[in-house]
Amino acid sequence: MAEQSYRDAIKDALREEMRRDERVFILGEEVGVWGGTYAVTRGLYDEFGAKRVRDTPIAESVIVGAAIGAAMGGLRPVAELMTINFSLVAMDQIVNNASKMFYMFGGQFSCPVVIRTPAGWGQLAATHSQSFEAWYASLPGLIVAMPATPRDAKGLLKRALRSNNPVMFIEHARLYNVVGEVPDGDYTIPFGVSEIKRAGRDVTIVSYSRMLHVALAAANKLAQENIEATVIDLRTLRPLDLAPVIESVKQTHRALIVEEDWVTCGMGAEIAARIGKDAFDYLDAPVERLGAIEVPMPYSKPLEALALPEEKHIIARVKEMLT
């Protein structure tokens, strides 16, 4: 077990899988000589060369379309999109090609493509600070992973690179410098397995990606006031594993879902609906959701901070639920 950043854990997953399987290659804007916008692929061009780390034009539909074609031809491409906001340009390829290929060809073709893309924000304004994970999680045939820790990022990415299904692998730009323990040696983490990151008796907090860290920090502060929260990390949004959530809610009788997306039609809506159906008789309060303020993301740094959930919002909401 060693300490490693989220960025380096992803890079090691790519490097190890490229060494293990010569069919794996990377394509995207500035992934080669420059090493990627967030330096995730830095050094891979020097090791594997231009054939396996391919710089592309600024054309997301071409990047994803070429990756899908390569996957159908037997390769295992990793298509890097500079930001999930730019995936809108490749929506037809993702929605109508990648996610439906296996079904529409009766299983004769698979599409083992991994689409890596960062979500998140940081004074990038309204068109570059959006969260689309719920859109992609609504698609049958597409796996959606959104890891929060270096360990999970590496294990889930290695699993994605060995999968025969298309995977939307969503990283968070604000997590690249986060450091955590990563196991030594080869390991993978299965899709559709949520994890309890913290156990408590009073409320169940469900989250994923960067909001997991905010939720854990809030839970630790609540503990100082003798309020103990269970915090569950979903890790993948499709398949979605809510079994640990339901079991926890049966013990705590309260659930709060924290996401960075807008609340309306976000992941929290689906999670709340399932909790309401499967744990209705155990609830002592309505299932609560906490997300971004429903406005386009402001460019102003102070206004941007006001638009997103923080520790204090989680703490206040939990206390309201317990009164």
C-alpha atoms as a PDB file:
ATOM      1  CA  MET A   1       0.000   0.000   0.000  1.00  0.00           C
ATOM      2  CA  ALA A   2       1.414   3.380  -0.981  1.00  0.00           C
ATOM      3  CA  GLU A   3       0.289   7.013  -1.011  1.00  0.00           C
ATOM      4  CA  GLN A   4      -0.548   8.268  -4.469  1.00  0.00           C
ATOM      5  CA  SER A   5      -2.421  11.134  -6.081  1.00  0.00           C
ATOM      6  CA  TYR A   6      -5.664  10.616  -7.980  1.00  0.00           C
ATOM      7  CA  ARG A   7      -3.862  11.791 -11.150  1.00  0.00           C
ATOM      8  CA  ASP A   8      -0.970   9.351 -10.766  1.00  0.00           C
ATOM      9  CA  ALA A   9      -3.287   6.468  -9.887  1.00  0.00           C
ATOM     10  CA  ILE A  10      -5.113   6.962 -13.188  1.00  0.00           C
ATOM     11  CA  LYS A  11      -1.830   7.293 -15.062  1.00  0.00           C
ATOM     12  CA  ASP A  12      -0.530   4.060 -13.526  1.00  0.00           C
ATOM     13  CA  ALA A  13      -3.733   2.262 -14.474  1.00  0.00           C
ATOM     14  CA  LEU A  14      -3.280   3.368 -18.085  1.00  0.00           C
ATOM     15  CA  ARG A  15       0.417   2.474 -18.121  1.00  0.00           C
ATOM     16  CA  GLU A  16      -0.073  -0.955 -16.562  1.00  0.00           C
ATOM     17  CA  GLU A  17      -2.896  -1.873 -18.915  1.00  0.00           C
ATOM     18  CA  MET A  18      -0.976  -0.631 -21.970  1.00  0.00           C
ATOM     19  CA  ARG A  19       1.938  -2.822 -20.950  1.00  0.00           C
ATOM     20  CA  ARG A  20      -0.357  -5.773 -20.281  1.00  0.00           C
ATOM     21  CA  ASP A  21      -2.430  -5.502 -23.466  1.00  0.00           C
ATOM     22  CA  GLU A  22      -0.992  -4.100 -26.708  1.00  0.00           C
ATOM     23  CA  ARG A  23      -4.538  -3.448 -27.977  1.00  0.00           C
ATOM     24  CA  VAL A  24      -4.959  -0.576 -25.511  1.00  0.00           C
ATOM     25  CA  PHE A  25      -4.216   2.856 -26.958  1.00  0.00           C
ATOM     26  CA  ILE A  26      -5.104   6.453 -26.112  1.00  0.00           C
ATOM     27  CA  LEU A  27      -6.435   9.189 -28.390  1.00  0.00           C
ATOM     28  CA  GLY A  28      -7.517  12.726 -27.677  1.00  0.00           C
ATOM     29  CA  GLU A  29      -6.581  16.394 -27.727  1.00  0.00           C
ATOM     30  CA  GLU A  30      -3.041  17.062 -26.458  1.00  0.00           C
ATOM     31  CA  VAL A  31      -2.738  13.620 -24.845  1.00  0.00           C
ATOM     32  CA  GLY A  32       0.600  12.872 -26.489  1.00  0.00           C
ATOM     33  CA  VAL A  33       3.445  15.378 -26.629  1.00  0.00           C
ATOM     34  CA  TRP A  34       1.787  17.758 -24.146  1.00  0.00           C
ATOM     35  CA  GLY A  35       0.679  14.971 -21.798  1.00  0.00           C
ATOM     36  CA  GLY A  36      -2.972  15.911 -21.407  1.00  0.00           C
ATOM     37  CA  THR A  37      -4.705  19.035 -20.154  1.00  0.00           C
ATOM     38  CA  TYR A  38      -4.489  17.759 -16.571  1.00  0.00           C
ATOM     39  CA  ALA A  39      -1.142  15.951 -17.078  1.00  0.00           C
ATOM     40  CA  VAL A  40      -2.727  12.518 -16.659  1.00  0.00           C
ATOM     41  CA  THR A  41      -1.064  11.055 -19.770  1.00  0.00           C
ATOM     42  CA  ARG A  42       2.272  12.822 -19.308  1.00  0.00           C
ATOM     43  CA  GLY A  43       5.134  10.422 -19.992  1.00  0.00           C
ATOM     44  CA  LEU A  44       3.049   7.807 -21.803  1.00  0.00           C
ATOM     45  CA  TYR A  45       3.921   9.206 -25.252  1.00  0.00           C
ATOM     46  CA  ASP A  46       7.629   8.794 -24.466  1.00  0.00           C
ATOM     47  CA  GLU A  47       7.122   5.188 -23.412  1.00  0.00           C
ATOM     48  CA  PHE A  48       4.602   3.953 -25.981  1.00  0.00           C
ATOM     49  CA  GLY A  49       5.083   6.287 -28.943  1.00  0.00           C
ATOM     50  CA  ALA A  50       2.758   8.111 -31.310  1.00  0.00           C
ATOM     51  CA  LYS A  51       1.028   4.950 -32.518  1.00  0.00           C
ATOM     52  CA  ARG A  52      -0.473   4.203 -29.106  1.00  0.00           C
ATOM     53  CA  VAL A  53      -0.773   7.736 -27.709  1.00  0.00           C
ATOM     54  CA  ARG A  54      -2.401   9.704 -30.508  1.00  0.00           C
ATOM     55  CA  ASP A  55      -2.960  13.436 -30.587  1.00  0.00           C
ATOM     56  CA  THR A  56      -6.152  14.331 -32.443  1.00  0.00           C
ATOM     57  CA  PRO A  57      -7.776  17.409 -33.925  1.00  0.00           C
ATOM     58  CA  ILE A  58     -10.209  19.412 -31.771  1.00  0.00           C
ATOM     59  CA  ALA A  59     -13.180  17.309 -32.845  1.00  0.00           C
ATOM     60  CA  GLU A  60     -14.861  15.283 -30.101  1.00  0.00           C
ATOM     61  CA  SER A  61     -17.263  13.553 -32.480  1.00  0.00           C
ATOM     62  CA  VAL A  62     -14.245  12.294 -34.451  1.00  0.00           C
ATOM     63  CA  ILE A  63     -12.373  11.223 -31.291  1.00  0.00           C
ATOM     64  CA  VAL A  64     -15.276   9.164 -29.979  1.00  0.00           C
ATOM     65  CA  GLY A  65     -16.352   7.941 -33.423  1.00  0.00           C
ATOM     66  CA  ALA A  66     -12.839   6.729 -34.257  1.00  0.00           C
ATOM     67  CA  ALA A  67     -12.566   5.067 -30.849  1.00  0.00           C
ATOM     68  CA  ILE A  68     -15.859   3.222 -31.378  1.00  0.00           C
ATOM     69  CA  GLY A  69     -14.704   2.005 -34.782  1.00  0.00           C
ATOM     70  CA  ALA A  70     -11.397   0.832 -33.339  1.00  0.00           C
ATOM     71  CA  ALA A  71     -13.218  -0.987 -30.537  1.00  0.00           C
ATOM     72  CA  MET A  72     -15.465  -2.752 -33.036  1.00  0.00           C
ATOM     73  CA  GLY A  73     -12.323  -3.771 -34.909  1.00  0.00           C
ATOM     74  CA  GLY A  74     -10.820  -5.500 -31.881  1.00  0.00           C
ATOM     75  CA  LEU A  75      -8.760  -2.774 -30.203  1.00  0.00           C
ATOM     76  CA  ARG A  76      -9.297  -1.279 -26.747  1.00  0.00           C
ATOM     77  CA  PRO A  77      -9.240   2.487 -27.161  1.00  0.00           C
ATOM     78  CA  VAL A  78      -9.242   5.107 -24.429  1.00  0.00           C
ATOM     79  CA  ALA A  79     -10.806   8.292 -25.797  1.00  0.00           C
ATOM     80  CA  GLU A  80      -9.926  11.311 -23.658  1.00  0.00           C
ATOM     81  CA  LEU A  81     -12.235  14.311 -23.844  1.00  0.00           C
ATOM     82  CA  MET A  82     -10.818  17.507 -22.368  1.00  0.00           C
ATOM     83  CA  THR A  83     -14.002  18.081 -20.367  1.00  0.00           C
ATOM     84  CA  ILE A  84     -17.393  16.408 -20.062  1.00  0.00           C
ATOM     85  CA  ASN A  85     -18.912  19.617 -21.422  1.00  0.00           C
ATOM     86  CA  PHE A  86     -17.345  18.788 -24.783  1.00  0.00           C
ATOM     87  CA  SER A  87     -18.982  15.371 -24.775  1.00  0.00           C
ATOM     88  CA  LEU A  88     -22.106  17.163 -26.008  1.00  0.00           C
ATOM     89  CA  VAL A  89     -20.410  17.375 -29.398  1.00  0.00           C
ATOM     90  CA  ALA A  90     -20.056  13.570 -29.392  1.00  0.00           C
ATOM     91  CA  MET A  91     -23.509  12.836 -27.959  1.00  0.00           C
ATOM     92  CA  ASP A  92     -24.722  11.003 -31.078  1.00  0.00           C
ATOM     93  CA  GLN A  93     -21.681   8.716 -31.059  1.00  0.00           C
ATOM     94  CA  ILE A  94     -22.058   7.956 -27.353  1.00  0.00           C
ATOM     95  CA  VAL A  95     -25.842   7.583 -27.241  1.00  0.00           C
ATOM     96  CA  ASN A  96     -26.650   6.043 -30.618  1.00  0.00           C
ATOM     97  CA  ASN A  97     -23.469   4.101 -31.329  1.00  0.00           C
ATOM     98  CA  ALA A  98     -21.439   3.102 -28.258  1.00  0.00           C
ATOM     99  CA  SER A  99     -24.275   2.315 -25.866  1.00  0.00           C
ATOM    100  CA  LYS A 100     -26.421   0.442 -28.422  1.00  0.00           C
ATOM    101  CA  MET A 101     -23.853  -1.401 -30.532  1.00  0.00           C
ATOM    102  CA  PHE A 102     -24.018  -4.763 -28.754  1.00  0.00           C
ATOM    103  CA  TYR A 103     -27.842  -4.745 -28.660  1.00  0.00           C
ATOM    104  CA  MET A 104     -28.467  -3.616 -32.229  1.00  0.00           C
ATOM    105  CA  PHE A 105     -26.090  -6.187 -33.714  1.00  0.00           C
ATOM    106  CA  GLY A 106     -27.477  -9.028 -31.623  1.00  0.00           C
ATOM    107  CA  GLY A 107     -24.245  -9.517 -29.740  1.00  0.00           C
ATOM    108  CA  GLN A 108     -22.141  -9.928 -32.886  1.00  0.00           C
ATOM    109  CA  PHE A 109     -20.172  -6.773 -32.104  1.00  0.00           C
ATOM    110  CA  SER A 110     -18.998  -5.448 -28.768  1.00  0.00           C
ATOM    111  CA  CYS A 111     -17.738  -1.945 -28.136  1.00  0.00           C
ATOM    112  CA  PRO A 112     -14.979  -2.018 -25.487  1.00  0.00           C
ATOM    113  CA  VAL A 113     -14.305   1.720 -25.528  1.00  0.00           C
ATOM    114  CA  VAL A 114     -13.424   3.800 -22.464  1.00  0.00           C
ATOM    115  CA  ILE A 115     -14.291   7.490 -22.634  1.00  0.00           C
ATOM    116  CA  ARG A 116     -12.250   9.347 -20.013  1.00  0.00           C
ATOM    117  CA  THR A 117     -13.340  12.871 -19.201  1.00  0.00           C
ATOM    118  CA  PRO A 118     -13.098  15.274 -16.271  1.00  0.00           C
ATOM    119  CA  ALA A 119     -16.126  16.994 -14.830  1.00  0.00           C
ATOM    120  CA  GLY A 120     -16.039  19.770 -12.256  1.00  0.00           C
ATOM    121  CA  TRP A 121     -15.472  23.468 -12.098  1.00  0.00           C
ATOM    122  CA  GLY A 122     -13.014  26.196 -11.119  1.00  0.00           C
ATOM    123  CA  GLN A 123     -13.961  29.557 -12.594  1.00  0.00           C
ATOM    124  CA  LEU A 124     -14.721  27.958 -15.932  1.00  0.00           C
ATOM    125  CA  ALA A 125     -18.162  29.588 -16.182  1.00  0.00           C
ATOM    126  CA  ALA A 126     -21.518  28.277 -17.318  1.00  0.00           C
ATOM    127  CA  THR A 127     -20.632  26.236 -20.405  1.00  0.00           C
ATOM    128  CA  HIS A 128     -17.573  24.522 -18.894  1.00  0.00           C
ATOM    129  CA  SER A 129     -18.805  23.676 -15.380  1.00  0.00           C
ATOM    130  CA  GLN A 130     -21.653  21.239 -15.898  1.00  0.00           C
ATOM    131  CA  SER A 131     -22.446  17.796 -14.521  1.00  0.00           C
ATOM    132  CA  PHE A 132     -23.907  15.361 -17.039  1.00  0.00           C
ATOM    133  CA  GLU A 133     -23.416  12.072 -15.224  1.00  0.00           C
ATOM    134  CA  ALA A 134     -27.169  11.577 -14.721  1.00  0.00           C
ATOM    135  CA  TRP A 135     -27.700  11.916 -18.480  1.00  0.00           C
ATOM    136  CA  TYR A 136     -25.244   9.142 -19.225  1.00  0.00           C
ATOM    137  CA  ALA A 137     -26.378   6.985 -16.321  1.00  0.00           C
ATOM    138  CA  SER A 138     -29.846   6.891 -17.908  1.00  0.00           C
ATOM    139  CA  LEU A 139     -28.523   4.917 -20.905  1.00  0.00           C
ATOM    140  CA  PRO A 140     -28.875   1.116 -20.952  1.00  0.00           C
ATOM    141  CA  GLY A 141     -25.705  -0.389 -22.374  1.00  0.00           C
ATOM    142  CA  LEU A 142     -23.347   2.261 -21.034  1.00  0.00           C
ATOM    143  CA  ILE A 143     -21.380   1.838 -17.797  1.00  0.00           C
ATOM    144  CA  VAL A 144     -20.815   5.067 -15.860  1.00  0.00           C
ATOM    145  CA  ALA A 145     -18.026   5.200 -13.264  1.00  0.00           C
ATOM    146  CA  MET A 146     -17.282   8.282 -11.142  1.00  0.00           C
ATOM    147  CA  PRO A 147     -14.591   7.431  -8.564  1.00  0.00           C
ATOM    148  CA  ALA A 148     -13.789   9.668  -5.604  1.00  0.00           C
ATOM    149  CA  THR A 149     -10.461   8.264  -4.380  1.00  0.00           C
ATOM    150  CA  PRO A 150      -7.112   7.310  -5.947  1.00  0.00           C
ATOM    151  CA  ARG A 151      -7.651   3.642  -4.997  1.00  0.00           C
ATOM    152  CA  ASP A 152     -11.059   3.519  -6.637  1.00  0.00           C
ATOM    153  CA  ALA A 153      -9.914   5.510  -9.667  1.00  0.00           C
ATOM    154  CA  LYS A 154      -7.147   3.039 -10.449  1.00  0.00           C
ATOM    155  CA  GLY A 155      -9.161  -0.090  -9.714  1.00  0.00           C
ATOM    156  CA  LEU A 156     -12.222   1.026 -11.657  1.00  0.00           C
ATOM    157  CA  LEU A 157     -10.200   2.221 -14.646  1.00  0.00           C
ATOM    158  CA  LYS A 158      -8.342  -1.071 -14.881  1.00  0.00           C
ATOM    159  CA  ARG A 159     -11.687  -2.840 -14.712  1.00  0.00           C
ATOM    160  CA  ALA A 160     -13.020  -0.568 -17.470  1.00  0.00           C
ATOM    161  CA  LEU A 161     -10.054  -1.320 -19.714  1.00  0.00           C
ATOM    162  CA  ARG A 162     -10.747  -5.062 -19.413  1.00  0.00           C
ATOM    163  CA  SER A 163     -14.497  -4.750 -19.957  1.00  0.00           C
ATOM    164  CA  ASN A 164     -16.217  -5.620 -23.211  1.00  0.00           C
ATOM    165  CA  ASN A 165     -18.750  -2.845 -22.620  1.00  0.00           C
ATOM    166  CA  PRO A 166     -18.480   0.895 -23.299  1.00  0.00           C
ATOM    167  CA  VAL A 167     -17.555   2.835 -20.180  1.00  0.00           C
ATOM    168  CA  MET A 168     -18.000   6.533 -19.437  1.00  0.00           C
ATOM    169  CA  PHE A 169     -15.210   7.153 -16.925  1.00  0.00           C
ATOM    170  CA  ILE A 170     -15.836  10.525 -15.298  1.00  0.00           C
ATOM    171  CA  GLU A 171     -13.049  12.051 -13.235  1.00  0.00           C
ATOM    172  CA  HIS A 172     -13.313  15.260 -11.226  1.00  0.00           C
ATOM    173  CA  ALA A 173     -10.916  18.079 -12.026  1.00  0.00           C
ATOM    174  CA  ARG A 174     -10.768  19.059  -8.345  1.00  0.00           C
ATOM    175  CA  LEU A 175      -9.625  15.573  -7.304  1.00  0.00           C
ATOM    176  CA  TYR A 176      -6.458  15.190  -9.386  1.00  0.00           C
ATOM    177  CA  ASN A 177      -4.210  16.366  -6.547  1.00  0.00           C
ATOM    178  CA  VAL A 178      -6.036  14.418  -3.817  1.00  0.00           C
ATOM    179  CA  VAL A 179      -3.733  11.835  -2.245  1.00  0.00           C
ATOM    180  CA  GLY A 180      -4.782   8.483  -0.818  1.00  0.00           C
ATOM    181  CA  GLU A 181      -3.621   4.922  -0.260  1.00  0.00           C
ATOM    182  CA  VAL A 182      -3.443   2.702  -3.342  1.00  0.00           C
ATOM    183  CA  PRO A 183      -2.800  -1.065  -3.097  1.00  0.00           C
ATOM    184  CA  ASP A 184       0.411  -2.489  -4.485  1.00  0.00           C
ATOM    185  CA  GLY A 185       0.249  -4.835  -7.436  1.00  0.00           C
ATOM    186  CA  ASP A 186      -2.492  -5.585  -9.921  1.00  0.00           C
ATOM    187  CA  TYR A 187      -6.083  -5.148  -8.745  1.00  0.00           C
ATOM    188  CA  THR A 188      -9.463  -4.175 -10.131  1.00  0.00           C
ATOM    189  CA  ILE A 189     -12.695  -2.956  -8.545  1.00  0.00           C
ATOM    190  CA  PRO A 190     -15.977  -4.352  -9.902  1.00  0.00           C
ATOM    191  CA  PHE A 191     -18.687  -2.129 -11.314  1.00  0.00           C
ATOM    192  CA  GLY A 192     -21.920  -1.791  -9.383  1.00  0.00           C
ATOM    193  CA  VAL A 193     -20.503  -2.165  -5.874  1.00  0.00           C
ATOM    194  CA  SER A 194     -21.024   0.783  -3.536  1.00  0.00           C
ATOM    195  CA  GLU A 195     -18.834   1.167  -0.468  1.00  0.00           C
ATOM    196  CA  ILE A 196     -19.519   2.330   3.072  1.00  0.00           C
ATOM    197  CA  LYS A 197     -16.783   4.872   3.804  1.00  0.00           C
ATOM    198  CA  ARG A 198     -18.018   5.692   7.304  1.00  0.00           C
ATOM    199  CA  ALA A 199     -20.525   4.008   9.612  1.00  0.00           C
ATOM    200  CA  GLY A 200     -22.991   5.829  11.852  1.00  0.00           C
ATOM    201  CA  ARG A 201     -26.360   5.420  13.554  1.00  0.00           C
ATOM    202  CA  ASP A 202     -28.261   8.667  12.950  1.00  0.00           C
ATOM    203  CA  VAL A 203     -28.439   9.382   9.212  1.00  0.00           C
ATOM    204  CA  THR A 204     -27.296   7.876   5.915  1.00  0.00           C
ATOM    205  CA  ILE A 205     -25.473  10.249   3.542  1.00  0.00           C
ATOM    206  CA  VAL A 206     -25.155   9.019  -0.035  1.00  0.00           C
ATOM    207  CA  SER A 207     -22.719  10.620  -2.446  1.00  0.00           C
ATOM    208  CA  TYR A 208     -20.044  10.122  -5.109  1.00  0.00           C
ATOM    209  CA  SER A 209     -17.057  11.858  -6.703  1.00  0.00           C
ATOM    210  CA  ARG A 210     -15.863  15.095  -5.035  1.00  0.00           C
ATOM    211  CA  MET A 211     -18.977  15.432  -2.924  1.00  0.00           C
ATOM    212  CA  LEU A 212     -17.946  12.272  -1.054  1.00  0.00           C
ATOM    213  CA  HIS A 213     -15.034  14.187   0.484  1.00  0.00           C
ATOM    214  CA  VAL A 214     -17.319  17.076   1.431  1.00  0.00           C
ATOM    215  CA  ALA A 215     -19.781  14.620   2.987  1.00  0.00           C
ATOM    216  CA  LEU A 216     -17.050  12.869   4.994  1.00  0.00           C
ATOM    217  CA  ALA A 217     -15.730  16.174   6.300  1.00  0.00           C
ATOM    218  CA  ALA A 218     -19.259  17.186   7.330  1.00  0.00           C
ATOM    219  CA  ALA A 219     -19.811  13.808   9.001  1.00  0.00           C
ATOM    220  CA  ASN A 220     -16.641  14.206  11.035  1.00  0.00           C
ATOM    221  CA  LYS A 221     -17.797  17.619  12.269  1.00  0.00           C
ATOM    222  CA  LEU A 222     -21.253  16.253  13.084  1.00  0.00           C
ATOM    223  CA  ALA A 223     -19.594  13.539  15.157  1.00  0.00           C
ATOM    224  CA  GLN A 224     -18.159  16.231  17.395  1.00  0.00           C
ATOM    225  CA  GLU A 225     -21.780  17.002  18.323  1.00  0.00           C
ATOM    226  CA  ASN A 226     -22.595  13.324  18.883  1.00  0.00           C
ATOM    227  CA  ILE A 227     -24.398  12.979  15.538  1.00  0.00           C
ATOM    228  CA  GLU A 228     -23.093   9.906  13.727  1.00  0.00           C
ATOM    229  CA  ALA A 229     -23.576   9.604   9.979  1.00  0.00           C
ATOM    230  CA  THR A 230     -23.048   6.669   7.659  1.00  0.00           C
ATOM    231  CA  VAL A 231     -21.426   7.878   4.416  1.00  0.00           C
ATOM    232  CA  ILE A 232     -21.766   5.703   1.314  1.00  0.00           C
ATOM    233  CA  ASP A 233     -19.815   6.155  -1.917  1.00  0.00           C
ATOM    234  CA  LEU A 234     -21.717   4.919  -4.982  1.00  0.00           C
ATOM    235  CA  ARG A 235     -18.534   4.710  -7.139  1.00  0.00           C
ATOM    236  CA  THR A 236     -20.493   3.701 -10.242  1.00  0.00           C
ATOM    237  CA  LEU A 237     -23.780   5.270 -11.304  1.00  0.00           C
ATOM    238  CA  ARG A 238     -24.650   2.566 -13.811  1.00  0.00           C
ATOM    239  CA  PRO A 239     -24.821  -0.145 -12.634  1.00  0.00           C
ATOM    240  CA  LEU A 240     -26.137   1.457  -9.457  1.00  0.00           C
ATOM    241  CA  ASP A 241     -25.742  -0.520  -6.241  1.00  0.00           C
ATOM    242  CA  LEU A 242     -28.190   0.720  -3.610  1.00  0.00           C
ATOM    243  CA  ALA A 243     -28.269  -2.411  -1.436  1.00  0.00           C
ATOM    244  CA  PRO A 244     -25.879  -0.929   1.172  1.00  0.00           C
ATOM    245  CA  VAL A 245     -27.903   2.295   1.093  1.00  0.00           C
ATOM    246  CA  ILE A 246     -31.195   0.508   1.757  1.00  0.00           C
ATOM    247  CA  GLU A 247     -29.692  -1.553   4.580  1.00  0.00           C
ATOM    248  CA  SER A 248     -28.202   1.545   6.161  1.00  0.00           C
ATOM    249  CA  VAL A 249     -31.456   3.502   5.921  1.00  0.00           C
ATOM    250  CA  LYS A 250     -33.221   0.634   7.703  1.00  0.00           C
ATOM    251  CA  GLN A 251     -30.859   1.323  10.614  1.00  0.00           C
ATOM    252  CA  THR A 252     -30.657   5.135  10.561  1.00  0.00           C
ATOM    253  CA  HIS A 253     -34.213   5.826   9.309  1.00  0.00           C
ATOM    254  CA  ARG A 254     -33.028   8.944   7.445  1.00  0.00           C
ATOM    255  CA  ALA A 255     -31.292   9.552   4.114  1.00  0.00           C
ATOM    256  CA  LEU A 256     -29.566  12.577   2.589  1.00  0.00           C
ATOM    257  CA  ILE A 257     -28.250  12.472  -0.970  1.00  0.00           C
ATOM    258  CA  VAL A 258     -25.480  14.945  -1.799  1.00  0.00           C
ATOM    259  CA  GLU A 259     -24.493  15.656  -5.397  1.00  0.00           C
ATOM    260  CA  GLU A 260     -22.762  18.408  -7.318  1.00  0.00           C
ATOM    261  CA  ASP A 261     -25.371  18.288 -10.072  1.00  0.00           C
ATOM    262  CA  TRP A 262     -28.596  20.286 -10.095  1.00  0.00           C
ATOM    263  CA  VAL A 263     -31.195  18.546  -7.952  1.00  0.00           C
ATOM    264  CA  THR A 264     -33.947  18.539 -10.594  1.00  0.00           C
ATOM    265  CA  CYS A 265     -33.646  15.266 -12.553  1.00  0.00           C
ATOM    266  CA  GLY A 266     -30.202  14.573 -11.042  1.00  0.00           C
ATOM    267  CA  MET A 267     -28.896  11.254  -9.727  1.00  0.00           C
ATOM    268  CA  GLY A 268     -30.430  12.057  -6.351  1.00  0.00           C
ATOM    269  CA  ALA A 269     -33.924  11.870  -7.789  1.00  0.00           C
ATOM    270  CA  GLU A 270     -33.420   8.254  -8.872  1.00  0.00           C
ATOM    271  CA  ILE A 271     -31.773   7.301  -5.590  1.00  0.00           C
ATOM    272  CA  ALA A 272     -34.523   8.954  -3.542  1.00  0.00           C
ATOM    273  CA  ALA A 273     -37.209   7.155  -5.543  1.00  0.00           C
ATOM    274  CA  ARG A 274     -35.612   3.778  -4.891  1.00  0.00           C
ATOM    275  CA  ILE A 275     -35.131   4.463  -1.194  1.00  0.00           C
ATOM    276  CA  GLY A 276     -38.758   5.548  -0.983  1.00  0.00           C
ATOM    277  CA  LYS A 277     -39.873   2.295  -2.579  1.00  0.00           C
ATOM    278  CA  ASP A 278     -37.553  -0.176  -0.841  1.00  0.00           C
ATOM    279  CA  ALA A 279     -37.238   1.400   2.614  1.00  0.00           C
ATOM    280  CA  PHE A 280     -40.489   3.350   2.964  1.00  0.00           C
ATOM    281  CA  ASP A 281     -41.595   1.643   6.172  1.00  0.00           C
ATOM    282  CA  TYR A 282     -38.261   2.453   7.850  1.00  0.00           C
ATOM    283  CA  LEU A 283     -38.154   6.197   7.117  1.00  0.00           C
ATOM    284  CA  ASP A 284     -38.751   8.620   9.982  1.00  0.00           C
ATOM    285  CA  ALA A 285     -38.330  11.649   7.691  1.00  0.00           C
ATOM    286  CA  PRO A 286     -38.562  12.392   3.978  1.00  0.00           C
ATOM    287  CA  VAL A 287     -35.531  11.530   1.862  1.00  0.00           C
ATOM    288  CA  GLU A 288     -33.592  14.780   1.427  1.00  0.00           C
ATOM    289  CA  ARG A 289     -31.484  15.923  -1.532  1.00  0.00           C
ATOM    290  CA  LEU A 290     -28.754  18.540  -1.595  1.00  0.00           C
ATOM    291  CA  GLY A 291     -27.180  19.762  -4.811  1.00  0.00           C
ATOM    292  CA  ALA A 292     -26.109  22.805  -6.782  1.00  0.00           C
ATOM    293  CA  ILE A 293     -28.231  25.940  -6.919  1.00  0.00           C
ATOM    294  CA  GLU A 294     -30.265  25.755 -10.117  1.00  0.00           C
ATOM    295  CA  VAL A 295     -28.539  28.471 -12.107  1.00  0.00           C
ATOM    296  CA  PRO A 296     -25.877  28.318 -14.805  1.00  0.00           C
ATOM    297  CA  MET A 297     -22.522  28.304 -13.043  1.00  0.00           C
ATOM    298  CA  PRO A 298     -21.284  31.869 -12.443  1.00  0.00           C
ATOM    299  CA  TYR A 299     -17.762  32.845 -13.460  1.00  0.00           C
ATOM    300  CA  SER A 300     -17.275  34.992 -10.345  1.00  0.00           C
ATOM    301  CA  LYS A 301     -15.368  32.973  -7.730  1.00  0.00           C
ATOM    302  CA  PRO A 302     -17.536  34.109  -4.765  1.00  0.00           C
ATOM    303  CA  LEU A 303     -20.752  33.437  -6.709  1.00  0.00           C
ATOM    304  CA  GLU A 304     -19.440  30.080  -7.876  1.00  0.00           C
ATOM    305  CA  ALA A 305     -18.815  29.086  -4.256  1.00  0.00           C
ATOM    306  CA  LEU A 306     -22.385  30.051  -3.366  1.00  0.00           C
ATOM    307  CA  ALA A 307     -23.761  27.795  -6.094  1.00  0.00           C
ATOM    308  CA  LEU A 308     -22.338  24.530  -4.746  1.00  0.00           C
ATOM    309  CA  PRO A 309     -22.978  22.409  -1.635  1.00  0.00           C
ATOM    310  CA  GLU A 310     -20.493  22.817   1.203  1.00  0.00           C
ATOM    311  CA  GLU A 311     -19.890  21.127   4.558  1.00  0.00           C
ATOM    312  CA  LYS A 312     -22.022  23.702   6.360  1.00  0.00           C
ATOM    313  CA  HIS A 313     -25.000  22.951   4.113  1.00  0.00           C
ATOM    314  CA  ILE A 314     -24.772  19.225   4.836  1.00  0.00           C
ATOM    315  CA  ILE A 315     -24.452  19.840   8.550  1.00  0.00           C
ATOM    316  CA  ALA A 316     -27.435  22.178   8.604  1.00  0.00           C
ATOM    317  CA  ARG A 317     -29.601  19.799   6.571  1.00  0.00           C
ATOM    318  CA  VAL A 318     -28.760  16.810   8.770  1.00  0.00           C
ATOM    319  CA  LYS A 319     -29.662  18.768  11.897  1.00  0.00           C
ATOM    320  CA  GLU A 320     -32.985  19.778  10.329  1.00  0.00           C
ATOM    321  CA  MET A 321     -33.698  16.120   9.559  1.00  0.00           C
ATOM    322  CA  LEU A 322     -33.066  15.132  13.162  1.00  0.00           C
ATOM    323  CA  THR A 323     -35.360  17.713  14.752  1.00  0.00           C
END
